[in-house]
Amino acid sequence: MAKVAFIGLGVMGYPMAGHLKVKGGHDVTVYNRTAIKAANWAAEYGGLVATTPAHAAEDVDFVFTCVGNDDDLRSVTIGDEGCIAGMKPGATLIDNTTASADVARELEAACAAKGCHFVDAPVSGGQAGAENGVLTVMCGAKPDVFERARPVIDAYARMVGLMGPAGSGQLAKMVNQICIAGLVQGLAEGVHFAKRAGLDVEELMAVLGKGAAGSWQMDNRHKTMNASKFDFGFAVDWMRKDLAICLDEARRNGAKLPVTALVDQFYGDVQQMGGKRWDTSSLLARLEKK
């Protein structure tokens, strides 16, 4: 058992912190900007609540963060009330936010200056993966730091991998989002075409799912896409945030991402349709717009 702090109790962080408490058996203290969420979490799981990130990080072995973006991350890690200020030498900051590789390297340097360690550890698997404790975690860290952190991360993960030094986890997550963007657009076009061709979408996907076209997205999203239900899962607003990170990194490293850039524009169309909080599979709604 370790002493753990968890900062950020959104749709992902709330159940992840719960798994650290229940499945991992760790002593967990939580912090959330909206205090009622932290109070609700403590009432459900029996952990402690801190008033600031720095307070949450005092005398713990591992500090987890899971917030919205680079600026949110800096606000809970840097400064007098940030968690790094409260961390003891030798403690490890594990960041589950999907953010830039630059901020990951920045936080590693800040931790090193305090005598602490850092792992950038963005996750894939969505809200369902967080709730079921089966997330895929892509890590950037020094090998020895990763090995110490991995058994704790295992509480909410099905797969945990070291991708390289700090920032590499975020770069791996960018690859994940690039692949998903093109795949969901392809699936949306396939479902749209099948409907127009008069095919039974359910029967079709049952067959295609066993072949080369099969994917997690097909298995888990075709039913709701076919029913034009998009009010769940990973929101379009968040996907556009992630794709902006991918495209920004690509401009710097020279990678060519024409499909990703195009799908990002399509998600912009979905936002204009009022689908900012729709699931990413709502690319189909754009195709079916009258």
C-alpha atoms as a PDB file:
ATOM      1  CA  MET A   1       0.000   0.000   0.000  1.00  0.00           C
ATOM      2  CA  ALA A   2       1.211   3.494  -0.878  1.00  0.00           C
ATOM      3  CA  LYS A   3       0.132   6.963   0.186  1.00  0.00           C
ATOM      4  CA  VAL A   4      -1.408   8.576  -2.896  1.00  0.00           C
ATOM      5  CA  ALA A   5      -2.911  11.926  -3.876  1.00  0.00           C
ATOM      6  CA  PHE A   6      -5.282  12.315  -6.826  1.00  0.00           C
ATOM      7  CA  ILE A   7      -5.950  15.752  -8.295  1.00  0.00           C
ATOM      8  CA  GLY A   8      -8.818  16.149 -10.766  1.00  0.00           C
ATOM      9  CA  LEU A   9     -12.054  14.214 -10.316  1.00  0.00           C
ATOM     10  CA  GLY A  10     -13.743  14.521 -13.694  1.00  0.00           C
ATOM     11  CA  VAL A  11     -15.409  11.677 -15.586  1.00  0.00           C
ATOM     12  CA  MET A  12     -12.017   9.938 -15.848  1.00  0.00           C
ATOM     13  CA  GLY A  13     -10.304  10.914 -12.605  1.00  0.00           C
ATOM     14  CA  TYR A  14     -13.207  10.112 -10.286  1.00  0.00           C
ATOM     15  CA  PRO A  15     -13.308   6.365 -11.044  1.00  0.00           C
ATOM     16  CA  MET A  16      -9.516   6.150 -11.475  1.00  0.00           C
ATOM     17  CA  ALA A  17      -9.015   7.495  -7.960  1.00  0.00           C
ATOM     18  CA  GLY A  18     -11.638   5.006  -6.785  1.00  0.00           C
ATOM     19  CA  HIS A  19      -9.683   2.094  -8.252  1.00  0.00           C
ATOM     20  CA  LEU A  20      -6.521   3.291  -6.495  1.00  0.00           C
ATOM     21  CA  LYS A  21      -8.440   3.168  -3.214  1.00  0.00           C
ATOM     22  CA  VAL A  22     -10.473  -0.015  -3.674  1.00  0.00           C
ATOM     23  CA  LYS A  23      -8.515  -2.208  -6.093  1.00  0.00           C
ATOM     24  CA  GLY A  24      -5.055  -0.887  -5.246  1.00  0.00           C
ATOM     25  CA  GLY A  25      -5.722  -0.648  -1.521  1.00  0.00           C
ATOM     26  CA  HIS A  26      -3.858   2.642  -1.316  1.00  0.00           C
ATOM     27  CA  ASP A  27      -4.323   5.482   1.158  1.00  0.00           C
ATOM     28  CA  VAL A  28      -5.836   8.166  -1.113  1.00  0.00           C
ATOM     29  CA  THR A  29      -6.270  11.914  -0.610  1.00  0.00           C
ATOM     30  CA  VAL A  30      -8.155  13.837  -3.312  1.00  0.00           C
ATOM     31  CA  TYR A  31      -8.405  17.409  -4.509  1.00  0.00           C
ATOM     32  CA  ASN A  32     -10.828  18.904  -7.022  1.00  0.00           C
ATOM     33  CA  ARG A  33     -11.493  22.528  -7.943  1.00  0.00           C
ATOM     34  CA  THR A  34     -15.213  21.887  -7.465  1.00  0.00           C
ATOM     35  CA  ALA A  35     -15.097  20.896  -3.812  1.00  0.00           C
ATOM     36  CA  ILE A  36     -18.423  19.038  -3.802  1.00  0.00           C
ATOM     37  CA  LYS A  37     -16.991  16.413  -6.171  1.00  0.00           C
ATOM     38  CA  ALA A  38     -14.146  15.753  -3.768  1.00  0.00           C
ATOM     39  CA  ALA A  39     -16.602  15.522  -0.874  1.00  0.00           C
ATOM     40  CA  ASN A  40     -18.782  13.087  -2.824  1.00  0.00           C
ATOM     41  CA  TRP A  41     -15.765  10.965  -3.719  1.00  0.00           C
ATOM     42  CA  ALA A  42     -14.632  10.803  -0.084  1.00  0.00           C
ATOM     43  CA  ALA A  43     -18.131   9.838   1.023  1.00  0.00           C
ATOM     44  CA  GLU A  44     -18.227   7.044  -1.554  1.00  0.00           C
ATOM     45  CA  TYR A  45     -14.730   5.659  -1.127  1.00  0.00           C
ATOM     46  CA  GLY A  46     -13.665   6.738   2.344  1.00  0.00           C
ATOM     47  CA  GLY A  47     -10.595   8.758   1.376  1.00  0.00           C
ATOM     48  CA  LEU A  48      -9.475  12.170   2.541  1.00  0.00           C
ATOM     49  CA  VAL A  49     -10.079  15.597   0.985  1.00  0.00           C
ATOM     50  CA  ALA A  50      -7.434  18.327   0.663  1.00  0.00           C
ATOM     51  CA  THR A  51      -8.050  22.052   0.287  1.00  0.00           C
ATOM     52  CA  THR A  52      -5.210  22.699  -2.202  1.00  0.00           C
ATOM     53  CA  PRO A  53      -3.081  20.554  -4.543  1.00  0.00           C
ATOM     54  CA  ALA A  54      -0.040  21.311  -2.373  1.00  0.00           C
ATOM     55  CA  HIS A  55      -1.907  20.091   0.703  1.00  0.00           C
ATOM     56  CA  ALA A  56      -2.983  16.922  -1.102  1.00  0.00           C
ATOM     57  CA  ALA A  57       0.627  16.158  -2.065  1.00  0.00           C
ATOM     58  CA  GLU A  58       2.103  16.467   1.412  1.00  0.00           C
ATOM     59  CA  ASP A  59       3.839  13.315   2.636  1.00  0.00           C
ATOM     60  CA  VAL A  60       2.542  11.039  -0.132  1.00  0.00           C
ATOM     61  CA  ASP A  61       4.514   8.658  -2.346  1.00  0.00           C
ATOM     62  CA  PHE A  62       2.639   9.273  -5.613  1.00  0.00           C
ATOM     63  CA  VAL A  63       0.656  12.274  -6.850  1.00  0.00           C
ATOM     64  CA  PHE A  64      -1.736  11.729  -9.782  1.00  0.00           C
ATOM     65  CA  THR A  65      -3.138  14.537 -11.903  1.00  0.00           C
ATOM     66  CA  CYS A  66      -5.959  14.241 -14.449  1.00  0.00           C
ATOM     67  CA  VAL A  67      -7.222  17.608 -15.665  1.00  0.00           C
ATOM     68  CA  GLY A  68      -8.240  19.281 -18.918  1.00  0.00           C
ATOM     69  CA  ASN A  69      -5.264  20.811 -20.721  1.00  0.00           C
ATOM     70  CA  ASP A  70      -1.788  22.340 -20.369  1.00  0.00           C
ATOM     71  CA  ASP A  71      -3.007  25.443 -18.550  1.00  0.00           C
ATOM     72  CA  ASP A  72      -5.170  23.426 -16.151  1.00  0.00           C
ATOM     73  CA  LEU A  73      -2.207  21.173 -15.488  1.00  0.00           C
ATOM     74  CA  ARG A  74       0.141  24.058 -14.702  1.00  0.00           C
ATOM     75  CA  SER A  75      -2.478  25.558 -12.380  1.00  0.00           C
ATOM     76  CA  VAL A  76      -2.517  22.452 -10.151  1.00  0.00           C
ATOM     77  CA  THR A  77       1.196  21.638 -10.294  1.00  0.00           C
ATOM     78  CA  ILE A  78       3.177  24.907 -10.390  1.00  0.00           C
ATOM     79  CA  GLY A  79       3.285  27.694  -7.803  1.00  0.00           C
ATOM     80  CA  ASP A  80       2.933  27.895  -4.038  1.00  0.00           C
ATOM     81  CA  GLU A  81      -0.353  25.973  -4.006  1.00  0.00           C
ATOM     82  CA  GLY A  82       0.603  23.525  -6.768  1.00  0.00           C
ATOM     83  CA  CYS A  83       1.220  19.905  -5.912  1.00  0.00           C
ATOM     84  CA  ILE A  84       4.963  20.038  -6.657  1.00  0.00           C
ATOM     85  CA  ALA A  85       5.394  22.557  -3.828  1.00  0.00           C
ATOM     86  CA  GLY A  86       3.904  20.047  -1.396  1.00  0.00           C
ATOM     87  CA  MET A  87       5.739  16.948  -2.616  1.00  0.00           C
ATOM     88  CA  LYS A  88       8.479  15.415  -0.500  1.00  0.00           C
ATOM     89  CA  PRO A  89      11.845  14.495  -2.059  1.00  0.00           C
ATOM     90  CA  GLY A  90      11.644  11.113  -3.755  1.00  0.00           C
ATOM     91  CA  ALA A  91       7.891  11.329  -4.445  1.00  0.00           C
ATOM     92  CA  THR A  92       6.591  10.798  -7.991  1.00  0.00           C
ATOM     93  CA  LEU A  93       4.137  12.921  -9.979  1.00  0.00           C
ATOM     94  CA  ILE A  94       2.117  10.823 -12.473  1.00  0.00           C
ATOM     95  CA  ASP A  95       0.151  12.912 -14.946  1.00  0.00           C
ATOM     96  CA  ASN A  96      -2.808  11.263 -16.701  1.00  0.00           C
ATOM     97  CA  THR A  97      -3.865  14.426 -18.549  1.00  0.00           C
ATOM     98  CA  THR A  98      -3.775  14.425 -22.338  1.00  0.00           C
ATOM     99  CA  ALA A  99      -1.479  17.406 -22.827  1.00  0.00           C
ATOM    100  CA  SER A 100       1.529  18.533 -24.847  1.00  0.00           C
ATOM    101  CA  ALA A 101       4.932  16.881 -24.768  1.00  0.00           C
ATOM    102  CA  ASP A 102       6.384  20.292 -23.898  1.00  0.00           C
ATOM    103  CA  VAL A 103       4.458  20.606 -20.645  1.00  0.00           C
ATOM    104  CA  ALA A 104       5.484  17.057 -19.719  1.00  0.00           C
ATOM    105  CA  ARG A 105       9.149  17.965 -20.088  1.00  0.00           C
ATOM    106  CA  GLU A 106       8.517  21.189 -18.171  1.00  0.00           C
ATOM    107  CA  LEU A 107       7.007  19.278 -15.265  1.00  0.00           C
ATOM    108  CA  GLU A 108       9.817  16.737 -15.222  1.00  0.00           C
ATOM    109  CA  ALA A 109      12.295  19.597 -14.839  1.00  0.00           C
ATOM    110  CA  ALA A 110      10.194  21.152 -12.058  1.00  0.00           C
ATOM    111  CA  CYS A 111      10.018  17.832 -10.232  1.00  0.00           C
ATOM    112  CA  ALA A 112      13.752  17.240 -10.605  1.00  0.00           C
ATOM    113  CA  ALA A 113      14.469  20.653  -9.072  1.00  0.00           C
ATOM    114  CA  LYS A 114      12.465  19.512  -6.008  1.00  0.00           C
ATOM    115  CA  GLY A 115      14.229  16.131  -5.847  1.00  0.00           C
ATOM    116  CA  CYS A 116      11.108  14.373  -7.143  1.00  0.00           C
ATOM    117  CA  HIS A 117      10.274  12.176 -10.141  1.00  0.00           C
ATOM    118  CA  PHE A 118       7.817  12.506 -13.028  1.00  0.00           C
ATOM    119  CA  VAL A 119       5.837  10.230 -15.358  1.00  0.00           C
ATOM    120  CA  ASP A 120       3.650  11.543 -18.173  1.00  0.00           C
ATOM    121  CA  ALA A 121       0.981   8.865 -18.434  1.00  0.00           C
ATOM    122  CA  PRO A 122      -1.956   9.805 -20.691  1.00  0.00           C
ATOM    123  CA  VAL A 123      -4.660   7.176 -20.995  1.00  0.00           C
ATOM    124  CA  SER A 124      -6.887   5.669 -23.671  1.00  0.00           C
ATOM    125  CA  GLY A 125     -10.152   3.833 -23.162  1.00  0.00           C
ATOM    126  CA  GLY A 126     -12.599   6.605 -22.388  1.00  0.00           C
ATOM    127  CA  GLN A 127     -15.049   6.886 -19.524  1.00  0.00           C
ATOM    128  CA  ALA A 128     -15.990   3.212 -19.721  1.00  0.00           C
ATOM    129  CA  GLY A 129     -12.341   2.191 -19.513  1.00  0.00           C
ATOM    130  CA  ALA A 130     -11.852   4.401 -16.470  1.00  0.00           C
ATOM    131  CA  GLU A 131     -14.958   3.085 -14.739  1.00  0.00           C
ATOM    132  CA  ASN A 132     -13.992  -0.533 -15.402  1.00  0.00           C
ATOM    133  CA  GLY A 133     -10.307  -0.056 -14.572  1.00  0.00           C
ATOM    134  CA  VAL A 134      -9.117  -1.241 -18.003  1.00  0.00           C
ATOM    135  CA  LEU A 135      -7.380   1.814 -19.425  1.00  0.00           C
ATOM    136  CA  THR A 136      -4.349   1.722 -21.695  1.00  0.00           C
ATOM    137  CA  VAL A 137      -1.598   3.928 -20.247  1.00  0.00           C
ATOM    138  CA  MET A 138       1.284   5.286 -22.349  1.00  0.00           C
ATOM    139  CA  CYS A 139       4.168   6.462 -20.179  1.00  0.00           C
ATOM    140  CA  GLY A 140       7.160   8.724 -20.581  1.00  0.00           C
ATOM    141  CA  ALA A 141       9.740   8.456 -17.801  1.00  0.00           C
ATOM    142  CA  LYS A 142      13.125   7.192 -16.765  1.00  0.00           C
ATOM    143  CA  PRO A 143      13.023   3.358 -16.659  1.00  0.00           C
ATOM    144  CA  ASP A 144      13.590   3.083 -12.899  1.00  0.00           C
ATOM    145  CA  VAL A 145      10.907   5.692 -12.180  1.00  0.00           C
ATOM    146  CA  PHE A 146       8.483   3.854 -14.461  1.00  0.00           C
ATOM    147  CA  GLU A 147       9.122   0.517 -12.744  1.00  0.00           C
ATOM    148  CA  ARG A 148       8.328   2.013  -9.335  1.00  0.00           C
ATOM    149  CA  ALA A 149       5.173   3.689 -10.623  1.00  0.00           C
ATOM    150  CA  ARG A 150       3.802   0.843 -12.715  1.00  0.00           C
ATOM    151  CA  PRO A 151       2.377  -1.321  -9.885  1.00  0.00           C
ATOM    152  CA  VAL A 152       0.382   1.668  -8.649  1.00  0.00           C
ATOM    153  CA  ILE A 153      -0.875   2.614 -12.131  1.00  0.00           C
ATOM    154  CA  ASP A 154      -1.974  -1.008 -12.605  1.00  0.00           C
ATOM    155  CA  ALA A 155      -4.950  -0.338 -10.307  1.00  0.00           C
ATOM    156  CA  TYR A 156      -6.867   1.339 -13.153  1.00  0.00           C
ATOM    157  CA  ALA A 157      -5.140  -0.121 -16.209  1.00  0.00           C
ATOM    158  CA  ARG A 158      -5.244  -3.143 -18.471  1.00  0.00           C
ATOM    159  CA  MET A 159      -2.065  -2.185 -20.333  1.00  0.00           C
ATOM    160  CA  VAL A 160       0.815   0.014 -19.148  1.00  0.00           C
ATOM    161  CA  GLY A 161       3.797   0.655 -21.417  1.00  0.00           C
ATOM    162  CA  LEU A 162       6.959   2.758 -21.292  1.00  0.00           C
ATOM    163  CA  MET A 163       7.294   4.719 -24.536  1.00  0.00           C
ATOM    164  CA  GLY A 164      10.564   6.532 -23.748  1.00  0.00           C
ATOM    165  CA  PRO A 165      11.718   9.577 -21.739  1.00  0.00           C
ATOM    166  CA  ALA A 166       9.417  12.312 -20.421  1.00  0.00           C
ATOM    167  CA  GLY A 167       7.096  13.555 -23.160  1.00  0.00           C
ATOM    168  CA  SER A 168       7.018  10.206 -24.942  1.00  0.00           C
ATOM    169  CA  GLY A 169       3.753   9.202 -23.314  1.00  0.00           C
ATOM    170  CA  GLN A 170       2.106  12.328 -24.673  1.00  0.00           C
ATOM    171  CA  LEU A 171       3.573  11.705 -28.130  1.00  0.00           C
ATOM    172  CA  ALA A 172       2.197   8.152 -28.031  1.00  0.00           C
ATOM    173  CA  LYS A 173      -1.236   9.486 -27.082  1.00  0.00           C
ATOM    174  CA  MET A 174      -1.063  11.796 -30.087  1.00  0.00           C
ATOM    175  CA  VAL A 175      -0.535   8.754 -32.308  1.00  0.00           C
ATOM    176  CA  ASN A 176      -3.534   7.133 -30.624  1.00  0.00           C
ATOM    177  CA  GLN A 177      -5.770  10.114 -31.415  1.00  0.00           C
ATOM    178  CA  ILE A 178      -4.462  10.388 -34.991  1.00  0.00           C
ATOM    179  CA  CYS A 179      -5.385   6.745 -35.591  1.00  0.00           C
ATOM    180  CA  ILE A 180      -8.807   7.111 -33.987  1.00  0.00           C
ATOM    181  CA  ALA A 181      -9.682  10.241 -35.985  1.00  0.00           C
ATOM    182  CA  GLY A 182      -9.225   8.546 -39.344  1.00  0.00           C
ATOM    183  CA  LEU A 183     -10.826   5.322 -38.164  1.00  0.00           C
ATOM    184  CA  VAL A 184     -14.006   6.977 -36.851  1.00  0.00           C
ATOM    185  CA  GLN A 185     -14.409   8.982 -40.051  1.00  0.00           C
ATOM    186  CA  GLY A 186     -14.055   5.779 -42.073  1.00  0.00           C
ATOM    187  CA  LEU A 187     -16.597   4.004 -39.881  1.00  0.00           C
ATOM    188  CA  ALA A 188     -19.010   6.945 -40.145  1.00  0.00           C
ATOM    189  CA  GLU A 189     -18.756   6.868 -43.931  1.00  0.00           C
ATOM    190  CA  GLY A 190     -19.210   3.096 -43.951  1.00  0.00           C
ATOM    191  CA  VAL A 191     -22.366   3.224 -41.816  1.00  0.00           C
ATOM    192  CA  HIS A 192     -23.691   6.131 -43.880  1.00  0.00           C
ATOM    193  CA  PHE A 193     -23.062   4.253 -47.140  1.00  0.00           C
ATOM    194  CA  ALA A 194     -24.639   1.053 -45.783  1.00  0.00           C
ATOM    195  CA  LYS A 195     -27.812   2.902 -44.829  1.00  0.00           C
ATOM    196  CA  ARG A 196     -28.076   4.546 -48.243  1.00  0.00           C
ATOM    197  CA  ALA A 197     -27.470   1.177 -49.932  1.00  0.00           C
ATOM    198  CA  GLY A 198     -30.294  -0.424 -47.948  1.00  0.00           C
ATOM    199  CA  LEU A 199     -28.112  -2.877 -46.046  1.00  0.00           C
ATOM    200  CA  ASP A 200     -28.932  -4.150 -42.566  1.00  0.00           C
ATOM    201  CA  VAL A 201     -26.265  -2.326 -40.566  1.00  0.00           C
ATOM    202  CA  GLU A 202     -26.418  -4.701 -37.601  1.00  0.00           C
ATOM    203  CA  GLU A 203     -25.991  -7.784 -39.763  1.00  0.00           C
ATOM    204  CA  LEU A 204     -23.286  -6.089 -41.799  1.00  0.00           C
ATOM    205  CA  MET A 205     -21.201  -5.050 -38.779  1.00  0.00           C
ATOM    206  CA  ALA A 206     -21.491  -8.509 -37.231  1.00  0.00           C
ATOM    207  CA  VAL A 207     -19.774  -9.851 -40.332  1.00  0.00           C
ATOM    208  CA  LEU A 208     -17.281  -7.036 -40.937  1.00  0.00           C
ATOM    209  CA  GLY A 209     -16.242  -7.022 -37.303  1.00  0.00           C
ATOM    210  CA  LYS A 210     -14.704 -10.472 -37.753  1.00  0.00           C
ATOM    211  CA  GLY A 211     -12.634  -9.392 -40.741  1.00  0.00           C
ATOM    212  CA  ALA A 212      -9.883  -6.941 -41.586  1.00  0.00           C
ATOM    213  CA  ALA A 213     -12.178  -3.931 -41.105  1.00  0.00           C
ATOM    214  CA  GLY A 214     -12.931  -4.855 -37.495  1.00  0.00           C
ATOM    215  CA  SER A 215     -11.957  -2.425 -34.719  1.00  0.00           C
ATOM    216  CA  TRP A 216     -12.784  -1.331 -31.183  1.00  0.00           C
ATOM    217  CA  GLN A 217     -14.734   1.576 -32.622  1.00  0.00           C
ATOM    218  CA  MET A 218     -16.791  -0.728 -34.826  1.00  0.00           C
ATOM    219  CA  ASP A 219     -17.521  -3.130 -31.978  1.00  0.00           C
ATOM    220  CA  ASN A 220     -18.418  -0.436 -29.453  1.00  0.00           C
ATOM    221  CA  ARG A 221     -19.930   2.386 -31.501  1.00  0.00           C
ATOM    222  CA  HIS A 222     -21.771   1.003 -34.541  1.00  0.00           C
ATOM    223  CA  LYS A 223     -25.026   0.329 -32.659  1.00  0.00           C
ATOM    224  CA  THR A 224     -25.327   3.857 -31.290  1.00  0.00           C
ATOM    225  CA  MET A 225     -24.175   5.354 -34.580  1.00  0.00           C
ATOM    226  CA  ASN A 226     -26.836   3.384 -36.431  1.00  0.00           C
ATOM    227  CA  ALA A 227     -29.415   4.715 -33.962  1.00  0.00           C
ATOM    228  CA  SER A 228     -28.039   8.285 -34.322  1.00  0.00           C
ATOM    229  CA  LYS A 229     -27.312   8.469 -30.585  1.00  0.00           C
ATOM    230  CA  PHE A 230     -24.272  10.534 -29.735  1.00  0.00           C
ATOM    231  CA  ASP A 231     -24.927  11.752 -26.195  1.00  0.00           C
ATOM    232  CA  PHE A 232     -22.231   9.766 -24.380  1.00  0.00           C
ATOM    233  CA  GLY A 233     -18.516   9.026 -24.365  1.00  0.00           C
ATOM    234  CA  PHE A 234     -15.567  11.223 -25.348  1.00  0.00           C
ATOM    235  CA  ALA A 235     -16.808  14.677 -26.352  1.00  0.00           C
ATOM    236  CA  VAL A 236     -16.089  16.402 -29.652  1.00  0.00           C
ATOM    237  CA  ASP A 237     -14.719  19.444 -27.788  1.00  0.00           C
ATOM    238  CA  TRP A 238     -12.100  17.267 -26.121  1.00  0.00           C
ATOM    239  CA  MET A 239     -11.219  15.502 -29.358  1.00  0.00           C
ATOM    240  CA  ARG A 240     -10.611  18.826 -31.069  1.00  0.00           C
ATOM    241  CA  LYS A 241      -8.363  19.834 -28.162  1.00  0.00           C
ATOM    242  CA  ASP A 242      -6.382  16.629 -28.627  1.00  0.00           C
ATOM    243  CA  LEU A 243      -6.157  16.975 -32.397  1.00  0.00           C
ATOM    244  CA  ALA A 244      -4.917  20.554 -32.026  1.00  0.00           C
ATOM    245  CA  ILE A 245      -2.058  19.189 -29.921  1.00  0.00           C
ATOM    246  CA  CYS A 246      -1.314  16.585 -32.606  1.00  0.00           C
ATOM    247  CA  LEU A 247      -1.335  19.115 -35.434  1.00  0.00           C
ATOM    248  CA  ASP A 248       0.822  21.562 -33.488  1.00  0.00           C
ATOM    249  CA  GLU A 249       3.411  18.867 -32.792  1.00  0.00           C
ATOM    250  CA  ALA A 250       3.318  17.788 -36.442  1.00  0.00           C
ATOM    251  CA  ARG A 251       4.077  21.325 -37.588  1.00  0.00           C
ATOM    252  CA  ARG A 252       7.200  21.224 -35.446  1.00  0.00           C
ATOM    253  CA  ASN A 253       8.458  17.743 -36.310  1.00  0.00           C
ATOM    254  CA  GLY A 254       7.551  17.864 -39.993  1.00  0.00           C
ATOM    255  CA  ALA A 255       5.004  15.017 -39.955  1.00  0.00           C
ATOM    256  CA  LYS A 256       2.300  15.194 -42.623  1.00  0.00           C
ATOM    257  CA  LEU A 257      -1.207  14.650 -41.251  1.00  0.00           C
ATOM    258  CA  PRO A 258      -3.646  15.463 -44.082  1.00  0.00           C
ATOM    259  CA  VAL A 259      -6.422  13.121 -42.922  1.00  0.00           C
ATOM    260  CA  THR A 260      -6.129  14.251 -39.303  1.00  0.00           C
ATOM    261  CA  ALA A 261      -6.356  17.898 -40.363  1.00  0.00           C
ATOM    262  CA  LEU A 262      -9.413  17.138 -42.495  1.00  0.00           C
ATOM    263  CA  VAL A 263     -11.197  15.204 -39.743  1.00  0.00           C
ATOM    264  CA  ASP A 264     -10.433  18.045 -37.323  1.00  0.00           C
ATOM    265  CA  GLN A 265     -12.318  20.347 -39.709  1.00  0.00           C
ATOM    266  CA  PHE A 266     -15.194  17.856 -39.815  1.00  0.00           C
ATOM    267  CA  TYR A 267     -15.377  17.943 -36.005  1.00  0.00           C
ATOM    268  CA  GLY A 268     -15.536  21.721 -36.315  1.00  0.00           C
ATOM    269  CA  ASP A 269     -18.623  21.232 -38.489  1.00  0.00           C
ATOM    270  CA  VAL A 270     -20.145  19.013 -35.795  1.00  0.00           C
ATOM    271  CA  GLN A 271     -19.515  21.740 -33.219  1.00  0.00           C
ATOM    272  CA  GLN A 272     -21.324  24.215 -35.445  1.00  0.00           C
ATOM    273  CA  MET A 273     -24.262  21.775 -35.543  1.00  0.00           C
ATOM    274  CA  GLY A 274     -24.493  22.009 -31.744  1.00  0.00           C
ATOM    275  CA  GLY A 275     -22.555  18.813 -31.107  1.00  0.00           C
ATOM    276  CA  LYS A 276     -19.791  20.133 -28.876  1.00  0.00           C
ATOM    277  CA  ARG A 277     -20.601  17.568 -26.191  1.00  0.00           C
ATOM    278  CA  TRP A 278     -21.614  14.773 -28.544  1.00  0.00           C
ATOM    279  CA  ASP A 279     -19.525  11.633 -28.686  1.00  0.00           C
ATOM    280  CA  THR A 280     -16.737  11.543 -31.297  1.00  0.00           C
ATOM    281  CA  SER A 281     -18.746   9.045 -33.362  1.00  0.00           C
ATOM    282  CA  SER A 282     -21.055  11.971 -34.204  1.00  0.00           C
ATOM    283  CA  LEU A 283     -19.057  12.432 -37.412  1.00  0.00           C
ATOM    284  CA  LEU A 284     -21.935  10.400 -38.841  1.00  0.00           C
ATOM    285  CA  ALA A 285     -24.384  13.178 -37.964  1.00  0.00           C
ATOM    286  CA  ARG A 286     -22.456  15.530 -40.248  1.00  0.00           C
ATOM    287  CA  LEU A 287     -22.894  13.105 -43.157  1.00  0.00           C
ATOM    288  CA  GLU A 288     -26.589  12.674 -42.472  1.00  0.00           C
ATOM    289  CA  LYS A 289     -27.318  16.361 -42.090  1.00  0.00           C
ATOM    290  CA  LYS A 290     -30.155  17.353 -44.414  1.00  0.00           C
END
